[in-house]
Protein backbone atom coordinates (compact mmCIF):
# COMPACT_ATOMS: atom_id res chain seq x y z
CA UNK A 1 -13.34 76.84 -28.41
CA UNK A 2 -13.07 79.64 -25.85
CA UNK A 3 -15.05 82.70 -24.82
CA UNK A 4 -13.29 85.61 -23.13
CA UNK A 5 -15.09 88.23 -21.04
CA UNK A 6 -13.04 91.13 -19.67
CA UNK A 7 -13.89 91.93 -16.04
CA UNK A 8 -11.26 94.63 -15.52
CA UNK A 9 -9.34 96.45 -18.24
CA UNK A 10 -5.55 96.18 -18.27
CA UNK A 11 -2.82 98.53 -19.40
CA UNK A 12 -0.06 98.44 -22.00
CA UNK A 13 0.55 95.73 -24.59
CA UNK A 14 -0.24 92.03 -24.68
CA UNK A 15 2.69 89.66 -24.00
CA UNK A 16 5.10 88.87 -26.82
CA UNK A 17 6.33 85.42 -27.85
CA UNK A 18 8.65 83.91 -25.20
CA UNK A 19 7.87 86.69 -22.71
CA UNK A 20 7.28 85.82 -19.07
CA UNK A 21 3.78 86.25 -17.67
CA UNK A 22 2.87 86.12 -13.97
CA UNK A 23 -0.81 85.59 -13.16
CA UNK A 24 -3.36 84.47 -10.59
CA UNK A 25 -6.21 82.15 -11.51
CA UNK A 26 -9.20 80.22 -10.19
CA UNK A 27 -10.75 77.36 -12.19
CA UNK A 28 -14.26 75.90 -11.85
CA UNK A 29 -16.21 73.40 -13.91
CA UNK A 30 -19.65 74.14 -15.39
CA UNK A 31 -21.26 73.04 -12.11
CA UNK A 32 -19.33 75.70 -10.21
CA UNK A 33 -17.12 73.15 -8.48
CA UNK A 34 -13.57 74.33 -7.75
CA UNK A 35 -10.98 72.57 -9.87
CA UNK A 36 -7.76 74.36 -8.98
CA UNK A 37 -6.26 77.79 -8.48
CA UNK A 38 -3.27 79.79 -7.34
CA UNK A 39 -3.29 80.87 -3.73
CA UNK A 40 -0.67 83.26 -2.39
CA UNK A 41 1.91 82.95 -5.17
CA UNK A 42 1.47 84.03 -8.77
CA UNK A 43 1.85 81.37 -11.46
CA UNK A 44 4.60 81.97 -14.00
CA UNK A 45 4.60 80.90 -17.63
CA UNK A 46 6.41 81.83 -20.83
CA UNK A 47 4.28 82.46 -23.87
CA UNK A 48 5.05 79.98 -26.64
CA UNK A 49 6.70 77.33 -24.46
CA UNK A 50 3.57 75.18 -24.21
CA UNK A 51 3.63 74.99 -20.43
CA UNK A 52 -0.11 75.57 -20.13
CA UNK A 53 -3.30 74.20 -21.63
CA UNK A 54 -3.36 75.71 -25.16
CA UNK A 55 -6.65 77.53 -24.59
CA UNK A 56 -5.37 79.13 -21.38
CA UNK A 57 -2.18 80.27 -23.09
CA UNK A 58 -4.23 81.64 -25.98
CA UNK A 59 -6.29 83.68 -23.52
CA UNK A 60 -3.18 84.97 -21.72
CA UNK A 61 -1.63 86.03 -25.01
CA UNK A 62 -4.62 88.31 -25.63
CA UNK A 63 -4.62 89.92 -22.18
CA UNK A 64 -2.84 93.02 -20.89
CA UNK A 65 -1.08 93.71 -17.63
CA UNK A 66 -3.51 94.19 -14.76
CA UNK A 67 -6.36 92.76 -16.82
CA UNK A 68 -8.79 90.31 -15.24
CA UNK A 69 -10.85 88.08 -17.53
CA UNK A 70 -13.36 85.27 -17.33
CA UNK A 71 -12.51 82.49 -19.77
CA UNK A 72 -14.80 79.60 -20.70
CA UNK A 73 -13.20 76.60 -22.40
CA UNK A 74 -15.86 74.40 -23.99
CA UNK A 75 -15.52 70.62 -24.15
CA UNK A 76 -18.37 70.45 -26.65
CA UNK A 77 -18.35 73.59 -28.81
CA UNK A 78 -21.53 72.55 -30.61
CA UNK A 79 -23.72 72.55 -27.50
CA UNK A 80 -21.63 74.68 -25.11
CA UNK A 81 -23.04 72.49 -22.36
CA UNK A 82 -19.82 71.41 -20.69
CA UNK A 83 -16.97 73.78 -20.01
CA UNK A 84 -14.26 74.78 -17.57
CA UNK A 85 -14.25 78.38 -16.42
CA UNK A 86 -11.10 80.29 -15.48
CA UNK A 87 -10.90 83.68 -13.81
CA UNK A 88 -7.42 84.98 -14.64
CA UNK A 89 -5.62 88.18 -13.70
CA UNK A 90 -2.21 89.09 -15.13
CA UNK A 91 -0.02 90.58 -12.43
CA UNK A 92 3.10 91.26 -14.46
CA UNK A 93 4.44 90.83 -17.96
CA UNK A 94 8.20 90.51 -18.33
CA UNK A 95 10.86 91.63 -15.85
CA UNK A 96 11.21 95.29 -16.72
CA UNK A 97 10.67 97.77 -13.90
CA UNK A 98 9.48 100.83 -15.74
CA UNK A 99 6.16 101.08 -13.92
CA UNK A 100 4.64 99.87 -10.61
CA UNK A 101 3.23 96.69 -12.16
CA UNK A 102 6.79 95.46 -12.73
CA UNK A 103 8.02 95.86 -9.16
CA UNK A 104 8.80 92.87 -7.01
CA UNK A 105 8.75 92.01 -3.32
CA UNK A 106 9.96 94.85 -1.12
CA UNK A 107 9.71 97.31 -4.01
CA UNK A 108 5.96 96.74 -4.22
CA UNK A 109 5.47 97.49 -0.54
CA UNK A 110 7.68 100.58 -0.66
CA UNK A 111 5.84 101.90 -3.72
CA UNK A 112 2.50 101.29 -2.00
CA UNK A 113 3.71 103.23 1.05
CA UNK A 114 4.89 106.06 -1.18
CA UNK A 115 1.50 106.30 -2.87
CA UNK A 116 -0.24 106.29 0.50
CA UNK A 117 1.97 109.16 1.67
CA UNK A 118 1.18 111.14 -1.46
CA UNK A 119 -2.52 110.50 -0.90
CA UNK A 120 -2.22 111.73 2.69
CA UNK A 121 -0.65 114.90 1.33
CA UNK A 122 -3.62 115.40 -0.98
CA UNK A 123 -6.00 114.92 1.97
CA UNK A 124 -4.31 117.75 3.86
CA UNK A 125 -4.92 119.97 0.84
CA UNK A 126 -8.53 118.71 0.59
CA UNK A 127 -7.80 117.18 -2.82
CA UNK A 128 -10.00 114.20 -2.12
CA UNK A 129 -10.33 112.84 -5.66
CA UNK A 130 -6.56 112.94 -6.18
CA UNK A 131 -6.05 111.20 -2.83
CA UNK A 132 -8.62 108.59 -3.74
CA UNK A 133 -6.82 107.70 -6.94
CA UNK A 134 -3.50 107.30 -5.13
CA UNK A 135 -5.01 105.14 -2.41
CA UNK A 136 -6.67 102.91 -5.02
CA UNK A 137 -3.40 102.55 -6.93
CA UNK A 138 -1.59 101.67 -3.71
CA UNK A 139 -4.27 99.16 -2.72
CA UNK A 140 -4.16 97.58 -6.16
CA UNK A 141 -0.42 96.98 -5.80
CA UNK A 142 -0.73 94.96 -2.59
CA UNK A 143 -4.15 93.35 -2.94
CA UNK A 144 -2.68 89.90 -3.54
CA UNK A 145 -0.27 90.07 -0.57
CA UNK A 146 -1.17 88.39 2.72
CA UNK A 147 1.70 89.24 5.09
CA UNK A 148 0.80 91.09 8.30
CA UNK A 149 2.29 94.40 7.19
CA UNK A 150 0.44 94.31 3.86
CA UNK A 151 -2.84 93.51 5.63
CA UNK A 152 -2.24 96.40 8.02
CA UNK A 153 -1.53 98.73 5.10
CA UNK A 154 -4.67 97.52 3.32
CA UNK A 155 -6.72 98.46 6.38
CA UNK A 156 -5.16 101.93 6.49
CA UNK A 157 -5.78 102.47 2.78
CA UNK A 158 -9.42 101.32 3.00
CA UNK A 159 -9.96 103.56 6.01
CA UNK A 160 -8.53 106.53 4.11
CA UNK A 161 -10.56 105.61 1.05
CA UNK A 162 -13.75 105.68 3.10
CA UNK A 163 -12.96 109.31 3.95
CA UNK A 164 -12.36 110.29 0.33
CA UNK A 165 -15.58 108.57 -0.76
CA UNK A 166 -17.50 110.39 1.98
CA UNK A 167 -16.03 113.76 0.96
CA UNK A 168 -16.79 113.02 -2.70
CA UNK A 169 -20.39 112.07 -1.79
CA UNK A 170 -19.89 108.46 -2.88
CA UNK A 171 -21.74 107.16 0.14
CA UNK A 172 -22.20 103.53 -0.88
CA UNK A 173 -18.47 103.19 -1.53
CA UNK A 174 -17.70 104.87 1.79
CA UNK A 175 -19.87 102.31 3.59
CA UNK A 176 -18.27 99.43 1.69
CA UNK A 177 -14.70 100.44 2.57
CA UNK A 178 -15.51 101.25 6.19
CA UNK A 179 -17.36 97.93 6.58
CA UNK A 180 -14.39 96.03 5.18
CA UNK A 181 -12.09 97.45 7.85
CA UNK A 182 -14.68 97.16 10.63
CA UNK A 183 -14.82 93.41 10.10
CA UNK A 184 -11.38 93.20 11.64
CA UNK A 185 -11.66 96.33 13.82
CA UNK A 186 -15.25 96.32 15.14
CA UNK A 187 -14.44 98.93 17.81
CA UNK A 188 -12.97 101.53 15.46
CA UNK A 189 -14.96 104.59 16.55
CA UNK A 190 -13.74 106.76 13.69
CA UNK A 191 -15.01 104.30 11.07
CA UNK A 192 -18.27 103.62 12.92
CA UNK A 193 -18.94 107.36 12.88
CA UNK A 194 -17.90 107.69 9.23
CA UNK A 195 -20.12 104.80 8.15
CA UNK A 196 -23.02 106.27 10.13
CA UNK A 197 -22.67 109.64 8.41
CA UNK A 198 -22.71 107.93 5.00
CA UNK A 199 -25.72 105.81 6.01
CA UNK A 200 -27.65 108.93 6.99
CA UNK A 201 -27.00 110.39 3.54
CA UNK A 202 -28.73 107.41 1.91
CA UNK A 203 -31.57 107.49 4.50
CA UNK A 204 -30.48 104.28 6.21
CA UNK A 205 -31.20 105.60 9.69
CA UNK A 206 -31.42 102.22 11.41
CA UNK A 207 -27.86 101.30 10.42
CA UNK A 208 -26.64 104.78 11.32
CA UNK A 209 -28.20 104.64 14.78
CA UNK A 210 -26.66 101.22 15.47
CA UNK A 211 -23.20 102.50 14.53
CA UNK A 212 -23.57 105.73 16.49
CA UNK A 213 -24.82 104.00 19.63
CA UNK A 214 -21.91 101.55 19.56
CA UNK A 215 -19.45 104.38 18.92
CA UNK A 216 -20.95 106.31 21.83
CA UNK A 217 -20.57 103.31 24.13
CA UNK A 218 -16.93 102.91 23.10
CA UNK A 219 -16.13 106.63 23.36
CA UNK A 220 -18.77 108.52 25.40
CA UNK A 221 -16.85 111.81 25.13
CA UNK A 222 -16.59 111.83 21.33
CA UNK A 223 -18.24 115.13 20.36
CA UNK A 224 -18.76 114.22 16.69
CA UNK A 225 -20.65 111.06 17.65
CA UNK A 226 -22.74 112.90 20.24
CA UNK A 227 -23.62 115.58 17.69
CA UNK A 228 -24.79 113.02 15.12
CA UNK A 229 -26.81 111.14 17.75
CA UNK A 230 -28.55 114.36 18.73
CA UNK A 231 -29.35 115.35 15.16
CA UNK A 232 -30.27 112.01 13.62
CA UNK A 233 -33.81 112.06 15.03
CA UNK A 234 -34.52 115.43 13.46
CA UNK A 235 -33.06 114.33 10.13
CA UNK A 236 -35.24 111.22 10.19
CA UNK A 237 -38.34 113.34 10.85
CA UNK A 238 -37.51 115.63 7.94
CA UNK A 239 -37.16 112.69 5.56
CA UNK A 240 -40.45 111.14 6.73
CA UNK A 241 -42.19 114.47 6.31
CA UNK A 242 -40.91 114.81 2.75
CA UNK A 243 -42.01 111.26 1.99
CA UNK A 244 -45.50 111.97 3.35
CA UNK A 245 -45.77 115.16 1.30
CA UNK A 246 -44.65 113.32 -1.80
CA UNK A 247 -47.19 110.56 -1.21
CA UNK A 248 -49.93 113.15 -0.68
CA UNK A 249 -49.11 114.89 -3.97
CA UNK A 250 -49.16 111.56 -5.80
CA UNK A 251 -52.57 110.78 -4.32
CA UNK A 252 -54.28 114.17 -4.59
CA UNK A 253 -52.14 115.99 -7.13
CA UNK A 254 -50.67 119.48 -6.78
């Protein structure tokens, strides 16, 4: 007996009989202990050949390209007490190359670069939502690659995404993407400033001040950083004043 929970929706059709399927997976037991998993190389199977555990193949046959699902395989269906849990994502179905999911090797990287370039073009035209979608599509293509050039491209895409999220007022997402890049580039002044601006918008002044002070130390002549440092105190006062007024109205009424 199996239960299937879709984590991320896929696209297109489910695999046909005797069609190749390439997928990544991680398997744990009911205690959360790691059993096995694919690392840097997708696992290949052919539906109907019996190469996999029947329940896993059954799950794959119901999934679409790009779909990620959580599958529980119960050892005791009556109690559902003991089970193995698989997180599976289908990377490609078949060998056709009629869309980006079917590209291989160098083609994937080149397509990702192309999408990034198109996104940069949208940025210049201030089409931030369109740029965001292209960056996300590009990032999705290379997210399972671990070569140096792919990692470098991931950092560029996440940095660009942080800008689109900031412009689209998606401040939490801006902070998330900037933080991801800053883990490997802690002295990136541009991203420190960008994360600080987003933090101010959600009233996280302590985090903003930490980022701005570090950015100012790294680049004392950066006018954007200096401007934010000079204005953050006033913004913080305004927020506190509004909070005090709100609390007063709650206590004493209008």
